[in-house]
Amino acid sequence: MAGYFPKRFSSQVVDKLLIVVYPVPYYILALVLLMIFTYYWPIFPLVGGARGPAAWSWKYISSLLHHSFLPALSIVIGATAFRFIMAKALTSSEKSSDYVRYAEMAAVPKDKILLFYVIRNTMLPQVTDLGLSLGTIFEVRSSPKSCMAIRAWEVCSTTASSRRLQRDYGITLLSIVGIATASLLVDLSYPLFDPRVRYR
């Protein structure tokens, strides 16, 4: 919407905000979030992990979500900023394409053009990127600095400082299976977004 309606006030505000956030590393965002939500407004815990033994109970799951919200938010904000910039660039390219101009000349409502023409074509790279990102969920990419900034998981510093996990073949195998599965799911989901793709 920010790419198709760039002159709207809401589009300009979101655009400028996420462009400022995009180059900031996620561990710096994590420090800012910690300062805001654990010191000035103590809503979330500063340290520790989920309380009690792991179980499918509301007490454990709620504690897990409560402790993991800020670390996840710091990563999600940066990823959202990157995908916003990519989606806006793709939308600007699609907006100037011939079929969109033809639809506008044919007096097709702009909301319909955005929903059924522009979004469906810009979703393809986004779905691919999201699927591959989910496939790398098992990768060990933590660093000591980022783990010190995001202290909600007690195991985080241990994971970052342990070289054994980086050499663990189980992690490598899970990464391969995760990426391959994500690629398969992305390929199977293409017909939902692109009407030109059909599986027989």
N, C-alpha and C. Protein backbone atom coordinates (compact mmCIF):
# COMPACT_ATOMS: atom_id res chain seq x y z
N MET A 1 0.83 -1.21 0.00
CA MET A 1 0.00 0.00 0.00
C MET A 1 0.86 1.26 0.00
N ALA A 2 1.99 1.21 0.71
CA ALA A 2 2.89 2.37 0.72
C ALA A 2 3.52 2.59 -0.65
N GLY A 3 3.73 1.52 -1.41
CA GLY A 3 4.29 1.66 -2.74
C GLY A 3 3.26 2.10 -3.77
N TYR A 4 2.01 1.66 -3.60
CA TYR A 4 0.97 2.02 -4.57
C TYR A 4 0.35 3.38 -4.27
N PHE A 5 0.31 3.74 -2.98
CA PHE A 5 -0.20 5.06 -2.58
C PHE A 5 0.90 5.82 -1.84
N PRO A 6 1.97 6.22 -2.54
CA PRO A 6 3.13 6.81 -1.85
C PRO A 6 2.87 8.19 -1.26
N LYS A 7 1.83 8.89 -1.72
CA LYS A 7 1.58 10.25 -1.25
C LYS A 7 0.73 10.30 0.00
N ARG A 8 0.19 9.16 0.42
CA ARG A 8 -0.60 9.15 1.65
C ARG A 8 0.30 9.42 2.85
N PHE A 9 -0.28 10.10 3.85
CA PHE A 9 0.50 10.45 5.05
C PHE A 9 0.96 9.20 5.80
N SER A 10 0.07 8.21 5.91
CA SER A 10 0.43 6.98 6.61
C SER A 10 1.56 6.24 5.89
N SER A 11 1.54 6.26 4.55
CA SER A 11 2.60 5.61 3.79
C SER A 11 3.94 6.29 4.01
N GLN A 12 3.94 7.61 4.03
CA GLN A 12 5.18 8.34 4.24
C GLN A 12 5.74 8.15 5.64
N VAL A 13 4.84 8.09 6.64
CA VAL A 13 5.30 7.89 8.02
C VAL A 13 5.94 6.51 8.18
N VAL A 14 5.24 5.47 7.68
CA VAL A 14 5.77 4.11 7.80
C VAL A 14 7.06 3.98 7.00
N ASP A 15 7.10 4.59 5.83
CA ASP A 15 8.29 4.53 4.98
C ASP A 15 9.50 5.11 5.70
N LYS A 16 9.36 6.31 6.23
CA LYS A 16 10.50 6.96 6.89
C LYS A 16 10.89 6.21 8.15
N LEU A 17 9.92 5.70 8.89
CA LEU A 17 10.22 5.00 10.14
C LEU A 17 11.01 3.72 9.88
N LEU A 18 10.57 2.92 8.91
CA LEU A 18 11.23 1.64 8.66
C LEU A 18 12.57 1.82 7.94
N ILE A 19 12.71 2.89 7.16
CA ILE A 19 14.01 3.16 6.55
C ILE A 19 15.04 3.53 7.61
N VAL A 20 14.60 4.22 8.66
CA VAL A 20 15.50 4.53 9.77
C VAL A 20 15.85 3.28 10.55
N VAL A 21 14.87 2.39 10.73
CA VAL A 21 15.08 1.18 11.53
C VAL A 21 15.92 0.15 10.78
N TYR A 22 15.82 0.12 9.46
CA TYR A 22 16.43 -0.96 8.66
C TYR A 22 17.93 -1.14 8.91
N PRO A 23 18.76 -0.10 8.89
CA PRO A 23 20.21 -0.34 9.06
C PRO A 23 20.63 -0.64 10.49
N VAL A 24 19.73 -0.54 11.46
CA VAL A 24 20.10 -0.78 12.86
C VAL A 24 20.19 -2.29 13.10
N PRO A 25 21.29 -2.80 13.63
CA PRO A 25 21.37 -4.24 13.92
C PRO A 25 20.33 -4.67 14.94
N TYR A 26 19.90 -5.92 14.84
CA TYR A 26 18.83 -6.37 15.72
C TYR A 26 19.24 -6.40 17.18
N TYR A 27 20.54 -6.60 17.48
CA TYR A 27 20.95 -6.60 18.88
C TYR A 27 20.94 -5.19 19.46
N ILE A 28 21.12 -4.15 18.62
CA ILE A 28 20.96 -2.78 19.10
C ILE A 28 19.48 -2.50 19.37
N LEU A 29 18.62 -2.98 18.48
CA LEU A 29 17.19 -2.88 18.74
C LEU A 29 16.81 -3.60 20.03
N ALA A 30 17.46 -4.74 20.26
CA ALA A 30 17.17 -5.49 21.48
C ALA A 30 17.55 -4.68 22.72
N LEU A 31 18.68 -3.99 22.68
CA LEU A 31 19.08 -3.15 23.82
C LEU A 31 18.08 -2.02 24.05
N VAL A 32 17.63 -1.40 22.96
CA VAL A 32 16.64 -0.33 23.10
C VAL A 32 15.34 -0.86 23.67
N LEU A 33 14.90 -2.02 23.17
CA LEU A 33 13.67 -2.61 23.69
C LEU A 33 13.82 -2.99 25.17
N LEU A 34 15.01 -3.50 25.54
CA LEU A 34 15.25 -3.83 26.94
C LEU A 34 15.17 -2.59 27.82
N MET A 35 15.77 -1.50 27.36
CA MET A 35 15.73 -0.27 28.15
C MET A 35 14.30 0.24 28.31
N ILE A 36 13.52 0.13 27.24
CA ILE A 36 12.16 0.69 27.30
C ILE A 36 11.24 -0.20 28.11
N PHE A 37 11.24 -1.51 27.82
CA PHE A 37 10.21 -2.40 28.36
C PHE A 37 10.65 -3.19 29.59
N THR A 38 11.91 -3.03 30.03
CA THR A 38 12.31 -3.67 31.28
C THR A 38 12.78 -2.68 32.33
N TYR A 39 13.13 -1.45 31.90
CA TYR A 39 13.59 -0.45 32.85
C TYR A 39 12.57 0.68 33.04
N TYR A 40 12.26 1.37 31.93
CA TYR A 40 11.31 2.48 32.03
C TYR A 40 9.88 1.98 32.26
N TRP A 41 9.48 0.99 31.49
CA TRP A 41 8.17 0.34 31.67
C TRP A 41 8.42 -1.15 31.90
N PRO A 42 8.56 -1.57 33.12
CA PRO A 42 8.93 -2.98 33.39
C PRO A 42 7.77 -3.94 33.11
N ILE A 43 7.56 -4.19 31.84
CA ILE A 43 6.50 -5.10 31.42
C ILE A 43 7.04 -6.51 31.23
N PHE A 44 8.25 -6.62 30.68
CA PHE A 44 8.85 -7.92 30.38
C PHE A 44 10.07 -8.15 31.26
N PRO A 45 10.43 -9.42 31.48
CA PRO A 45 11.60 -9.71 32.33
C PRO A 45 12.91 -9.40 31.63
N LEU A 46 13.92 -9.07 32.42
CA LEU A 46 15.23 -8.75 31.87
C LEU A 46 16.05 -10.00 31.59
N VAL A 47 16.02 -10.96 32.51
CA VAL A 47 16.80 -12.19 32.37
C VAL A 47 15.91 -13.37 32.67
N GLY A 48 16.47 -14.56 32.47
CA GLY A 48 15.75 -15.79 32.81
C GLY A 48 15.09 -16.41 31.60
N GLY A 49 14.43 -17.50 31.84
CA GLY A 49 13.74 -18.22 30.79
C GLY A 49 12.38 -18.68 31.26
N ALA A 50 11.78 -19.55 30.50
CA ALA A 50 10.46 -20.05 30.86
C ALA A 50 10.51 -20.79 32.19
N ARG A 51 9.52 -20.57 33.00
CA ARG A 51 9.50 -21.16 34.33
C ARG A 51 8.87 -22.55 34.30
N GLY A 52 9.43 -23.42 35.14
CA GLY A 52 8.88 -24.75 35.27
C GLY A 52 9.37 -25.69 34.19
N PRO A 53 9.07 -26.97 34.34
CA PRO A 53 9.46 -27.96 33.33
C PRO A 53 8.66 -27.78 32.05
N ALA A 54 9.27 -28.17 30.92
CA ALA A 54 8.59 -28.04 29.63
C ALA A 54 7.38 -28.95 29.59
N ALA A 55 6.23 -28.36 29.26
CA ALA A 55 4.99 -29.13 29.22
C ALA A 55 3.98 -28.35 28.39
N TRP A 56 2.98 -29.08 27.88
CA TRP A 56 1.91 -28.44 27.11
C TRP A 56 0.86 -27.90 28.09
N SER A 57 1.27 -26.91 28.87
CA SER A 57 0.36 -26.28 29.82
C SER A 57 0.37 -24.78 29.58
N TRP A 58 -0.73 -24.13 29.94
CA TRP A 58 -0.82 -22.70 29.71
C TRP A 58 0.22 -21.94 30.55
N LYS A 59 0.52 -22.44 31.75
CA LYS A 59 1.50 -21.77 32.60
C LYS A 59 2.87 -21.75 31.94
N TYR A 60 3.28 -22.87 31.38
CA TYR A 60 4.60 -22.92 30.75
C TYR A 60 4.61 -22.13 29.44
N ILE A 61 3.57 -22.29 28.61
CA ILE A 61 3.53 -21.60 27.32
C ILE A 61 3.46 -20.09 27.50
N SER A 62 2.65 -19.63 28.45
CA SER A 62 2.55 -18.19 28.69
C SER A 62 3.87 -17.63 29.20
N SER A 63 4.56 -18.40 30.06
CA SER A 63 5.88 -17.97 30.53
C SER A 63 6.89 -17.94 29.41
N LEU A 64 6.80 -18.92 28.53
CA LEU A 64 7.70 -18.97 27.36
C LEU A 64 7.48 -17.76 26.46
N LEU A 65 6.23 -17.44 26.16
CA LEU A 65 5.92 -16.28 25.32
C LEU A 65 6.34 -14.99 26.01
N HIS A 66 6.14 -14.91 27.30
CA HIS A 66 6.48 -13.70 28.04
C HIS A 66 7.99 -13.42 28.01
N HIS A 67 8.79 -14.47 28.10
CA HIS A 67 10.25 -14.29 28.10
C HIS A 67 10.82 -14.15 26.69
N SER A 68 10.14 -14.67 25.71
CA SER A 68 10.70 -14.66 24.35
C SER A 68 10.16 -13.53 23.49
N PHE A 69 9.24 -12.73 24.00
CA PHE A 69 8.61 -11.70 23.17
C PHE A 69 9.61 -10.64 22.71
N LEU A 70 10.39 -10.10 23.63
CA LEU A 70 11.34 -9.05 23.26
C LEU A 70 12.44 -9.54 22.33
N PRO A 71 13.08 -10.71 22.56
CA PRO A 71 14.06 -11.18 21.58
C PRO A 71 13.45 -11.38 20.19
N ALA A 72 12.24 -11.94 20.14
CA ALA A 72 11.60 -12.14 18.84
C ALA A 72 11.26 -10.81 18.19
N LEU A 73 10.78 -9.86 18.98
CA LEU A 73 10.39 -8.56 18.43
C LEU A 73 11.58 -7.83 17.83
N SER A 74 12.76 -7.93 18.46
CA SER A 74 13.94 -7.26 17.94
C SER A 74 14.34 -7.80 16.57
N ILE A 75 14.13 -9.10 16.35
CA ILE A 75 14.46 -9.70 15.05
C ILE A 75 13.37 -9.40 14.04
N VAL A 76 12.11 -9.44 14.48
CA VAL A 76 10.98 -9.23 13.57
C VAL A 76 10.98 -7.81 13.03
N ILE A 77 11.32 -6.82 13.86
CA ILE A 77 11.30 -5.43 13.41
C ILE A 77 12.29 -5.23 12.27
N GLY A 78 13.51 -5.76 12.44
CA GLY A 78 14.50 -5.62 11.37
C GLY A 78 14.09 -6.35 10.10
N ALA A 79 13.55 -7.55 10.25
CA ALA A 79 13.10 -8.30 9.07
C ALA A 79 11.93 -7.61 8.39
N THR A 80 11.03 -7.01 9.17
CA THR A 80 9.90 -6.29 8.59
C THR A 80 10.38 -5.09 7.80
N ALA A 81 11.36 -4.38 8.32
CA ALA A 81 11.89 -3.22 7.61
C ALA A 81 12.49 -3.63 6.27
N PHE A 82 13.26 -4.72 6.26
CA PHE A 82 13.85 -5.19 5.00
C PHE A 82 12.78 -5.60 4.00
N ARG A 83 11.78 -6.35 4.45
CA ARG A 83 10.73 -6.81 3.54
C ARG A 83 9.84 -5.66 3.09
N PHE A 84 9.69 -4.65 3.91
CA PHE A 84 8.94 -3.46 3.50
C PHE A 84 9.63 -2.75 2.36
N ILE A 85 10.93 -2.54 2.48
CA ILE A 85 11.67 -1.86 1.42
C ILE A 85 11.64 -2.67 0.14
N MET A 86 11.79 -3.99 0.25
CA MET A 86 11.75 -4.84 -0.93
C MET A 86 10.37 -4.83 -1.57
N ALA A 87 9.31 -4.91 -0.75
CA ALA A 87 7.95 -4.91 -1.28
C ALA A 87 7.61 -3.57 -1.93
N LYS A 88 8.08 -2.49 -1.35
CA LYS A 88 7.80 -1.18 -1.93
C LYS A 88 8.48 -1.01 -3.29
N ALA A 89 9.73 -1.50 -3.38
CA ALA A 89 10.42 -1.43 -4.67
C ALA A 89 9.72 -2.28 -5.73
N LEU A 90 9.28 -3.48 -5.35
CA LEU A 90 8.55 -4.33 -6.29
C LEU A 90 7.22 -3.71 -6.69
N THR A 91 6.55 -3.09 -5.74
CA THR A 91 5.26 -2.45 -6.03
C THR A 91 5.44 -1.28 -6.99
N SER A 92 6.48 -0.49 -6.78
CA SER A 92 6.74 0.63 -7.69
C SER A 92 7.01 0.14 -9.10
N SER A 93 7.70 -1.00 -9.22
CA SER A 93 7.94 -1.57 -10.55
C SER A 93 6.66 -2.09 -11.17
N GLU A 94 5.83 -2.77 -10.37
CA GLU A 94 4.57 -3.30 -10.89
C GLU A 94 3.59 -2.18 -11.24
N LYS A 95 3.64 -1.10 -10.49
CA LYS A 95 2.71 0.01 -10.72
C LYS A 95 2.91 0.63 -12.10
N SER A 96 4.14 0.60 -12.58
CA SER A 96 4.43 1.19 -13.89
C SER A 96 4.32 0.18 -15.03
N SER A 97 3.88 -1.04 -14.74
CA SER A 97 3.76 -2.06 -15.79
C SER A 97 2.53 -1.80 -16.67
N ASP A 98 2.52 -2.44 -17.82
CA ASP A 98 1.47 -2.17 -18.81
C ASP A 98 0.10 -2.62 -18.34
N TYR A 99 0.03 -3.80 -17.70
CA TYR A 99 -1.30 -4.31 -17.32
C TYR A 99 -1.94 -3.47 -16.23
N VAL A 100 -1.13 -2.88 -15.34
CA VAL A 100 -1.69 -2.00 -14.31
C VAL A 100 -2.17 -0.70 -14.94
N ARG A 101 -1.41 -0.15 -15.87
CA ARG A 101 -1.85 1.07 -16.55
C ARG A 101 -3.11 0.83 -17.36
N TYR A 102 -3.20 -0.33 -17.99
CA TYR A 102 -4.39 -0.66 -18.75
C TYR A 102 -5.60 -0.77 -17.83
N ALA A 103 -5.42 -1.40 -16.66
CA ALA A 103 -6.51 -1.51 -15.71
C ALA A 103 -6.94 -0.14 -15.19
N GLU A 104 -5.99 0.75 -14.99
CA GLU A 104 -6.34 2.10 -14.54
C GLU A 104 -7.09 2.86 -15.63
N MET A 105 -6.68 2.70 -16.88
CA MET A 105 -7.40 3.35 -17.98
C MET A 105 -8.79 2.78 -18.17
N ALA A 106 -8.96 1.50 -17.81
CA ALA A 106 -10.27 0.87 -17.90
C ALA A 106 -11.16 1.19 -16.70
N ALA A 107 -10.72 2.10 -15.84
CA ALA A 107 -11.48 2.56 -14.69
C ALA A 107 -11.73 1.46 -13.66
N VAL A 108 -10.80 0.51 -13.57
CA VAL A 108 -10.88 -0.49 -12.51
C VAL A 108 -10.55 0.19 -11.19
N PRO A 109 -11.32 -0.05 -10.12
CA PRO A 109 -11.02 0.59 -8.83
C PRO A 109 -9.60 0.30 -8.36
N LYS A 110 -8.98 1.31 -7.79
CA LYS A 110 -7.58 1.16 -7.39
C LYS A 110 -7.40 0.09 -6.31
N ASP A 111 -8.38 -0.03 -5.42
CA ASP A 111 -8.27 -1.07 -4.40
C ASP A 111 -8.25 -2.46 -5.03
N LYS A 112 -9.05 -2.64 -6.08
CA LYS A 112 -9.08 -3.93 -6.78
C LYS A 112 -7.77 -4.17 -7.52
N ILE A 113 -7.23 -3.14 -8.13
CA ILE A 113 -5.93 -3.27 -8.82
C ILE A 113 -4.85 -3.66 -7.81
N LEU A 114 -4.86 -3.00 -6.67
CA LEU A 114 -3.86 -3.29 -5.64
C LEU A 114 -3.99 -4.72 -5.13
N LEU A 115 -5.21 -5.16 -4.90
CA LEU A 115 -5.43 -6.47 -4.28
C LEU A 115 -5.22 -7.62 -5.25
N PHE A 116 -5.76 -7.50 -6.46
CA PHE A 116 -5.76 -8.63 -7.39
C PHE A 116 -4.65 -8.59 -8.43
N TYR A 117 -3.99 -7.45 -8.59
CA TYR A 117 -2.94 -7.35 -9.59
C TYR A 117 -1.56 -7.15 -8.93
N VAL A 118 -1.44 -6.06 -8.21
CA VAL A 118 -0.12 -5.68 -7.69
C VAL A 118 0.34 -6.61 -6.58
N ILE A 119 -0.51 -6.83 -5.58
CA ILE A 119 -0.09 -7.63 -4.43
C ILE A 119 0.23 -9.06 -4.83
N ARG A 120 -0.57 -9.64 -5.69
CA ARG A 120 -0.34 -11.03 -6.07
C ARG A 120 1.00 -11.21 -6.79
N ASN A 121 1.41 -10.23 -7.56
CA ASN A 121 2.69 -10.35 -8.26
C ASN A 121 3.88 -10.00 -7.37
N THR A 122 3.68 -9.09 -6.43
CA THR A 122 4.78 -8.77 -5.52
C THR A 122 4.93 -9.79 -4.41
N MET A 123 3.93 -10.65 -4.21
CA MET A 123 4.01 -11.66 -3.16
C MET A 123 4.96 -12.80 -3.50
N LEU A 124 5.23 -13.04 -4.76
CA LEU A 124 6.05 -14.18 -5.14
C LEU A 124 7.47 -14.11 -4.56
N PRO A 125 8.20 -13.01 -4.74
CA PRO A 125 9.53 -12.96 -4.10
C PRO A 125 9.44 -12.96 -2.58
N GLN A 126 8.37 -12.37 -2.03
CA GLN A 126 8.22 -12.33 -0.58
C GLN A 126 8.01 -13.73 -0.02
N VAL A 127 7.17 -14.51 -0.69
CA VAL A 127 6.90 -15.88 -0.24
C VAL A 127 8.17 -16.72 -0.32
N THR A 128 8.93 -16.55 -1.39
CA THR A 128 10.18 -17.29 -1.54
C THR A 128 11.16 -16.93 -0.43
N ASP A 129 11.31 -15.63 -0.16
CA ASP A 129 12.23 -15.18 0.88
C ASP A 129 11.78 -15.67 2.26
N LEU A 130 10.48 -15.60 2.51
CA LEU A 130 9.97 -16.05 3.81
C LEU A 130 10.17 -17.55 3.99
N GLY A 131 9.90 -18.33 2.94
CA GLY A 131 10.07 -19.77 3.03
C GLY A 131 11.51 -20.16 3.30
N LEU A 132 12.45 -19.53 2.60
CA LEU A 132 13.86 -19.84 2.82
C LEU A 132 14.33 -19.35 4.19
N SER A 133 13.75 -18.25 4.67
CA SER A 133 14.11 -17.77 6.01
C SER A 133 13.63 -18.74 7.07
N LEU A 134 12.43 -19.28 6.88
CA LEU A 134 11.94 -20.28 7.83
C LEU A 134 12.75 -21.57 7.76
N GLY A 135 13.28 -21.85 6.59
CA GLY A 135 14.08 -23.06 6.45
C GLY A 135 15.39 -22.99 7.18
N THR A 136 15.90 -21.80 7.42
CA THR A 136 17.17 -21.65 8.13
C THR A 136 16.98 -21.43 9.62
N ILE A 137 15.84 -21.84 10.14
CA ILE A 137 15.54 -21.60 11.55
C ILE A 137 16.46 -22.38 12.47
N PHE A 138 17.07 -23.46 11.97
CA PHE A 138 17.93 -24.29 12.80
C PHE A 138 19.38 -23.85 12.76
N GLU A 139 19.69 -22.83 11.97
CA GLU A 139 21.07 -22.40 11.88
C GLU A 139 21.51 -21.77 13.19
N VAL A 140 22.75 -22.02 13.57
CA VAL A 140 23.32 -21.40 14.76
C VAL A 140 24.08 -20.17 14.30
N ARG A 141 23.42 -19.01 14.38
CA ARG A 141 24.04 -17.78 13.93
C ARG A 141 24.19 -16.77 15.06
N SER A 142 24.11 -17.24 16.31
CA SER A 142 24.20 -16.34 17.45
C SER A 142 25.64 -15.93 17.67
N SER A 143 25.82 -14.74 18.17
CA SER A 143 27.14 -14.25 18.55
C SER A 143 27.10 -13.86 20.02
N PRO A 144 28.24 -13.84 20.69
CA PRO A 144 28.24 -13.47 22.11
C PRO A 144 27.65 -12.10 22.37
N LYS A 145 27.92 -11.11 21.49
CA LYS A 145 27.39 -9.77 21.72
C LYS A 145 25.87 -9.74 21.62
N SER A 146 25.33 -10.41 20.58
CA SER A 146 23.88 -10.42 20.43
C SER A 146 23.22 -11.17 21.56
N CYS A 147 23.86 -12.23 22.05
CA CYS A 147 23.28 -12.99 23.15
C CYS A 147 23.33 -12.19 24.45
N MET A 148 24.37 -11.37 24.63
CA MET A 148 24.41 -10.54 25.81
C MET A 148 23.33 -9.47 25.75
N ALA A 149 23.04 -9.00 24.53
CA ALA A 149 21.99 -7.99 24.38
C ALA A 149 20.62 -8.60 24.57
N ILE A 150 20.43 -9.81 24.09
CA ILE A 150 19.15 -10.49 24.24
C ILE A 150 19.32 -11.56 25.30
N ARG A 151 19.05 -11.26 26.54
CA ARG A 151 19.37 -12.14 27.65
C ARG A 151 18.15 -12.91 28.14
N ALA A 152 17.11 -12.99 27.32
CA ALA A 152 15.90 -13.65 27.78
C ALA A 152 16.06 -15.16 27.79
N TRP A 153 17.01 -15.69 27.04
CA TRP A 153 17.22 -17.14 27.02
C TRP A 153 18.52 -17.46 27.75
N GLU A 154 18.45 -18.29 28.77
CA GLU A 154 19.65 -18.66 29.51
C GLU A 154 20.60 -19.46 28.66
N VAL A 155 20.07 -20.22 27.70
CA VAL A 155 20.91 -21.08 26.88
C VAL A 155 21.62 -20.30 25.79
N CYS A 156 21.24 -19.03 25.60
CA CYS A 156 21.76 -18.27 24.47
C CYS A 156 23.28 -18.09 24.56
N SER A 157 23.78 -17.66 25.73
CA SER A 157 25.22 -17.46 25.85
C SER A 157 25.98 -18.77 25.73
N THR A 158 25.38 -19.85 26.23
CA THR A 158 26.02 -21.15 26.11
C THR A 158 26.11 -21.57 24.66
N THR A 159 25.04 -21.31 23.91
CA THR A 159 25.03 -21.66 22.50
C THR A 159 26.06 -20.86 21.73
N ALA A 160 26.18 -19.58 22.06
CA ALA A 160 27.11 -18.73 21.33
C ALA A 160 28.54 -19.07 21.63
N SER A 161 28.85 -19.45 22.87
CA SER A 161 30.24 -19.70 23.24
C SER A 161 30.68 -21.12 22.97
N SER A 162 29.76 -22.00 22.66
CA SER A 162 30.11 -23.40 22.46
C SER A 162 30.41 -23.64 20.99
N ARG A 163 31.62 -24.02 20.69
CA ARG A 163 31.98 -24.34 19.31
C ARG A 163 31.47 -25.72 18.90
N ARG A 164 31.13 -26.54 19.88
CA ARG A 164 30.70 -27.90 19.56
C ARG A 164 29.40 -27.89 18.78
N LEU A 165 28.48 -27.00 19.12
CA LEU A 165 27.20 -26.96 18.41
C LEU A 165 27.38 -26.57 16.95
N GLN A 166 28.39 -25.74 16.68
CA GLN A 166 28.62 -25.35 15.30
C GLN A 166 29.16 -26.50 14.47
N ARG A 167 29.75 -27.48 15.12
CA ARG A 167 30.26 -28.64 14.41
C ARG A 167 29.31 -29.83 14.50
N ASP A 168 28.18 -29.61 15.09
CA ASP A 168 27.25 -30.72 15.29
C ASP A 168 26.59 -31.07 13.97
N TYR A 169 26.72 -32.31 13.58
CA TYR A 169 26.13 -32.73 12.31
C TYR A 169 24.61 -32.76 12.38
N GLY A 170 24.06 -32.92 13.60
CA GLY A 170 22.60 -32.90 13.73
C GLY A 170 22.01 -31.56 13.35
N ILE A 171 22.67 -30.47 13.75
CA ILE A 171 22.21 -29.14 13.38
C ILE A 171 22.29 -28.95 11.88
N THR A 172 23.39 -29.43 11.28
CA THR A 172 23.55 -29.31 9.83
C THR A 172 22.47 -30.09 9.10
N LEU A 173 22.18 -31.29 9.58
CA LEU A 173 21.14 -32.10 8.95
C LEU A 173 19.77 -31.43 9.06
N LEU A 174 19.47 -30.89 10.23
CA LEU A 174 18.19 -30.21 10.41
C LEU A 174 18.09 -28.98 9.50
N SER A 175 19.20 -28.27 9.33
CA SER A 175 19.19 -27.11 8.43
C SER A 175 18.90 -27.53 7.00
N ILE A 176 19.53 -28.61 6.55
CA ILE A 176 19.31 -29.09 5.18
C ILE A 176 17.86 -29.51 4.99
N VAL A 177 17.34 -30.29 5.95
CA VAL A 177 15.95 -30.74 5.85
C VAL A 177 15.00 -29.55 5.91
N GLY A 178 15.30 -28.58 6.78
CA GLY A 178 14.43 -27.41 6.89
C GLY A 178 14.40 -26.58 5.62
N ILE A 179 15.56 -26.34 5.02
CA ILE A 179 15.62 -25.55 3.79
C ILE A 179 14.96 -26.28 2.64
N ALA A 180 15.19 -27.60 2.53
CA ALA A 180 14.57 -28.38 1.46
C ALA A 180 13.05 -28.42 1.62
N THR A 181 12.57 -28.59 2.84
CA THR A 181 11.13 -28.61 3.08
C THR A 181 10.51 -27.25 2.79
N ALA A 182 11.19 -26.17 3.22
CA ALA A 182 10.67 -24.83 2.94
C ALA A 182 10.62 -24.55 1.45
N SER A 183 11.64 -24.98 0.71
CA SER A 183 11.63 -24.78 -0.74
C SER A 183 10.49 -25.53 -1.40
N LEU A 184 10.22 -26.75 -0.93
CA LEU A 184 9.10 -27.52 -1.47
C LEU A 184 7.77 -26.84 -1.19
N LEU A 185 7.58 -26.36 0.04
CA LEU A 185 6.34 -25.68 0.38
C LEU A 185 6.16 -24.40 -0.41
N VAL A 186 7.26 -23.68 -0.65
CA VAL A 186 7.18 -22.46 -1.45
C VAL A 186 6.75 -22.79 -2.88
N ASP A 187 7.35 -23.82 -3.46
CA ASP A 187 6.97 -24.21 -4.82
C ASP A 187 5.51 -24.63 -4.90
N LEU A 188 5.03 -25.35 -3.89
CA LEU A 188 3.63 -25.79 -3.90
C LEU A 188 2.66 -24.64 -3.67
N SER A 189 3.11 -23.57 -3.04
CA SER A 189 2.22 -22.45 -2.76
C SER A 189 2.15 -21.43 -3.89
N TYR A 190 3.01 -21.56 -4.90
CA TYR A 190 3.01 -20.59 -5.99
C TYR A 190 1.66 -20.46 -6.70
N PRO A 191 0.95 -21.56 -6.98
CA PRO A 191 -0.35 -21.39 -7.67
C PRO A 191 -1.36 -20.57 -6.88
N LEU A 192 -1.20 -20.46 -5.58
CA LEU A 192 -2.13 -19.65 -4.79
C LEU A 192 -1.95 -18.16 -5.05
N PHE A 193 -0.75 -17.78 -5.49
CA PHE A 193 -0.45 -16.36 -5.68
C PHE A 193 -0.31 -15.98 -7.15
N ASP A 194 0.17 -16.87 -7.95
CA ASP A 194 0.41 -16.56 -9.36
C ASP A 194 -0.54 -17.39 -10.22
N PRO A 195 -1.50 -16.76 -10.89
CA PRO A 195 -2.43 -17.53 -11.72
C PRO A 195 -1.78 -18.14 -12.95
N ARG A 196 -0.57 -17.70 -13.29
CA ARG A 196 0.12 -18.28 -14.45
C ARG A 196 0.71 -19.63 -14.16
N VAL A 197 0.84 -19.97 -12.86
CA VAL A 197 1.44 -21.25 -12.46
C VAL A 197 0.32 -22.22 -12.15
N ARG A 198 0.36 -23.36 -12.80
CA ARG A 198 -0.63 -24.40 -12.55
C ARG A 198 0.08 -25.75 -12.54
N TYR A 199 -0.26 -26.58 -11.55
CA TYR A 199 0.30 -27.92 -11.48
C TYR A 199 -0.71 -28.91 -12.05
N ARG A 200 -0.23 -29.80 -12.87
CA ARG A 200 -1.11 -30.80 -13.52
C ARG A 200 -0.85 -32.16 -12.87
